[in-house]
Amino acid sequence: MNKYRGVFVLLAAMLAGCRAHQEPLADYFAEVENEVRQEAYSLAIAESNSVVTFAYEPGHLPFNLPAMVPTSVVNNQVNCWQPPTRASQPLEEFAIEQLSLKGIMTKGNARVALIQTPQYGVLKASKGQYLGRNLGKVAAITTQQVVIHEQWPDGEGCWSKRVVYMALQ
């Protein structure tokens, strides 16, 4: 019996610790529920969907995607702008994100931008010169930035334009 006396004392001490919070559980649950209760709102009644009947045609299944339009057909669009073909320039080897504007030189009304490249050091760029991999053309050079008009392929044979600003760093 003396062997188990230490175990009994330890169990009695642990069970005595269980008496610390003897509040009724119903009060505790009510308190927690009041803390987390949020105001519920009713949802609008959804409108009924219109039903479209499926008319079977030979060779046409309802879950197949429509055939892709061949690229040759898309390229023949009437209002599809295409960039002119020309020889590339040294600043077109790099993405615009790799280039940085290091300075601007002015002589009279003419301005020249000094562009830092990862490979060739600093190169000059003037209005009308191309830079970047997306056919970017220098549209304007101000005292604080270079305005570049880029041309992006849209994936369907046409091109779209966007304006990019390269500011002095």
Protein backbone atom coordinates (compact mmCIF):
# COMPACT_ATOMS: atom_id res chain seq x y z
CA MET A 1 0.00 0.00 0.00
CA ASN A 2 2.91 2.31 0.66
CA LYS A 3 3.94 1.82 -2.95
CA TYR A 4 0.75 3.38 -4.21
CA ARG A 5 0.59 6.17 -1.62
CA GLY A 6 2.59 8.60 -3.86
CA VAL A 7 0.37 7.82 -6.83
CA PHE A 8 -2.80 8.47 -4.79
CA VAL A 9 -1.43 11.77 -3.51
CA LEU A 10 -0.54 12.83 -7.04
CA LEU A 11 -4.01 11.90 -8.37
CA ALA A 12 -5.70 13.75 -5.50
CA ALA A 13 -3.64 16.88 -6.24
CA MET A 14 -4.53 16.73 -9.93
CA LEU A 15 -8.23 16.27 -9.22
CA ALA A 16 -8.19 19.14 -6.73
CA GLY A 17 -6.92 21.40 -9.54
CA CYS A 18 -10.04 20.62 -11.58
CA ARG A 19 -12.17 22.67 -9.18
CA ALA A 20 -10.70 25.99 -10.37
CA HIS A 21 -13.52 27.07 -12.74
CA GLN A 22 -16.81 25.71 -11.49
CA GLU A 23 -19.11 28.18 -13.26
CA PRO A 24 -22.22 26.64 -14.79
CA LEU A 25 -21.64 25.64 -18.40
CA ALA A 26 -24.92 27.15 -19.56
CA ASP A 27 -23.78 30.63 -18.42
CA TYR A 28 -20.42 30.17 -20.13
CA PHE A 29 -22.03 29.07 -23.42
CA ALA A 30 -24.46 32.00 -23.31
CA GLU A 31 -21.56 34.44 -22.76
CA VAL A 32 -19.53 33.03 -25.66
CA GLU A 33 -22.57 32.99 -27.92
CA ASN A 34 -23.29 36.66 -27.19
CA GLU A 35 -19.69 37.62 -27.99
CA VAL A 36 -19.67 35.99 -31.41
CA ARG A 37 -23.25 36.58 -32.49
CA GLN A 38 -23.49 38.60 -35.68
CA GLU A 39 -26.47 40.15 -37.29
CA ALA A 40 -27.80 37.90 -40.01
CA TYR A 41 -29.26 39.34 -43.17
CA SER A 42 -31.57 37.70 -45.60
CA LEU A 43 -30.41 36.98 -49.12
CA ALA A 44 -32.31 38.18 -52.16
CA ILE A 45 -34.32 35.55 -53.92
CA ALA A 46 -32.48 34.37 -57.00
CA GLU A 47 -34.17 34.85 -60.32
CA SER A 48 -35.00 31.68 -62.16
CA ASN A 49 -32.65 30.74 -64.95
CA SER A 50 -33.92 30.52 -68.47
CA VAL A 51 -33.84 27.09 -70.01
CA VAL A 52 -32.32 26.64 -73.43
CA THR A 53 -33.29 23.55 -75.33
CA PHE A 54 -30.57 21.59 -77.05
CA ALA A 55 -31.20 20.69 -80.66
CA TYR A 56 -28.98 17.81 -81.67
CA GLU A 57 -27.07 18.15 -84.89
CA PRO A 58 -24.88 15.36 -86.24
CA GLY A 59 -21.26 15.97 -85.26
CA HIS A 60 -22.13 18.60 -82.63
CA LEU A 61 -21.88 17.68 -78.96
CA PRO A 62 -23.06 20.10 -76.25
CA PHE A 63 -19.87 19.99 -74.16
CA ASN A 64 -17.27 20.36 -76.91
CA LEU A 65 -15.59 23.72 -77.34
CA PRO A 66 -16.04 25.52 -80.64
CA ALA A 67 -13.22 25.16 -83.15
CA MET A 68 -10.46 27.77 -83.02
CA VAL A 69 -10.38 30.35 -85.78
CA PRO A 70 -7.26 29.80 -87.92
CA THR A 71 -4.60 32.51 -87.54
CA SER A 72 -4.60 33.19 -91.27
CA VAL A 73 -8.25 34.30 -91.02
CA VAL A 74 -7.54 36.59 -88.04
CA ASN A 75 -4.58 38.26 -89.78
CA ASN A 76 -6.83 39.33 -92.65
CA GLN A 77 -8.92 41.62 -90.45
CA VAL A 78 -9.60 45.03 -91.93
CA ASN A 79 -8.77 47.11 -88.81
CA CYS A 80 -5.80 45.04 -87.64
CA TRP A 81 -2.81 47.33 -87.03
CA GLN A 82 0.63 45.89 -87.83
CA PRO A 83 4.01 47.47 -86.93
CA PRO A 84 6.28 48.51 -89.79
CA THR A 85 9.25 46.31 -90.62
CA ARG A 86 12.68 47.88 -90.06
CA ALA A 87 16.19 47.07 -88.86
CA SER A 88 16.54 46.69 -85.07
CA GLN A 89 18.59 49.11 -82.97
CA PRO A 90 21.03 48.34 -80.10
CA LEU A 91 18.63 49.37 -77.31
CA GLU A 92 16.04 46.85 -78.56
CA GLU A 93 18.13 43.92 -77.31
CA PHE A 94 16.94 44.49 -73.75
CA ALA A 95 13.57 44.54 -72.00
CA ILE A 96 12.57 47.99 -70.76
CA GLU A 97 12.76 46.65 -67.19
CA GLN A 98 16.52 46.07 -67.72
CA LEU A 99 17.11 49.66 -68.89
CA SER A 100 17.36 52.69 -66.62
CA LEU A 101 17.41 56.41 -67.33
CA LYS A 102 20.65 57.89 -65.95
CA GLY A 103 20.48 61.42 -67.32
CA ILE A 104 19.17 63.86 -69.91
CA MET A 105 21.31 66.18 -72.02
CA THR A 106 19.88 69.31 -73.61
CA LYS A 107 21.31 71.38 -76.45
CA GLY A 108 18.97 74.13 -77.60
CA ASN A 109 15.54 72.53 -78.04
CA ALA A 110 16.92 69.02 -78.60
CA ARG A 111 17.10 66.53 -75.72
CA VAL A 112 18.97 63.23 -75.56
CA ALA A 113 18.37 60.57 -72.89
CA LEU A 114 21.25 58.61 -71.37
CA ILE A 115 20.10 55.00 -70.97
CA GLN A 116 22.03 52.46 -68.87
CA THR A 117 22.10 48.96 -70.42
CA PRO A 118 23.24 45.74 -68.74
CA GLN A 119 25.79 44.98 -71.49
CA TYR A 120 26.89 48.13 -73.32
CA GLY A 121 27.04 50.70 -70.51
CA VAL A 122 25.33 54.05 -71.14
CA LEU A 123 23.88 54.71 -74.61
CA LYS A 124 22.17 57.81 -76.02
CA ALA A 125 18.53 57.73 -77.12
CA SER A 126 16.75 60.52 -78.94
CA LYS A 127 13.12 61.11 -79.92
CA GLY A 128 11.98 58.59 -82.54
CA GLN A 129 14.55 55.95 -81.57
CA TYR A 130 13.38 52.43 -80.66
CA LEU A 131 14.18 50.64 -77.39
CA GLY A 132 12.96 47.58 -75.49
CA ARG A 133 11.83 44.22 -76.85
CA ASN A 134 8.23 45.33 -77.48
CA LEU A 135 8.94 47.82 -80.27
CA GLY A 136 9.09 50.75 -77.83
CA LYS A 137 9.58 54.11 -79.54
CA VAL A 138 10.77 57.25 -77.72
CA ALA A 139 7.83 59.65 -78.09
CA ALA A 140 9.12 62.48 -75.89
CA ILE A 141 12.01 63.38 -73.62
CA THR A 142 11.24 65.79 -70.78
CA THR A 143 13.57 67.09 -68.08
CA GLN A 144 12.56 64.25 -65.72
CA GLN A 145 11.44 61.29 -67.86
CA VAL A 146 11.29 59.56 -71.22
CA VAL A 147 7.86 58.74 -72.70
CA ILE A 148 7.87 55.46 -74.66
CA HIS A 149 5.08 54.11 -76.87
CA GLU A 150 5.24 50.29 -76.79
CA GLN A 151 3.50 47.87 -79.14
CA TRP A 152 2.30 44.53 -77.80
CA PRO A 153 1.17 41.49 -79.84
CA ASP A 154 -2.36 40.49 -78.79
CA GLY A 155 -1.90 36.81 -79.61
CA GLU A 156 -4.34 36.90 -82.52
CA GLY A 157 -2.09 38.50 -85.10
CA CYS A 158 -2.82 42.14 -84.27
CA TRP A 159 -0.92 44.63 -82.12
CA SER A 160 -2.01 47.02 -79.39
CA LYS A 161 -0.23 50.07 -77.98
CA ARG A 162 0.57 51.30 -74.46
CA VAL A 163 2.54 54.18 -72.95
CA VAL A 164 5.51 53.54 -70.64
CA TYR A 165 7.37 56.19 -68.64
CA MET A 166 11.05 55.85 -67.74
CA ALA A 167 11.91 58.31 -64.95
CA LEU A 168 15.28 59.57 -63.75
CA GLN A 169 16.70 57.50 -60.91
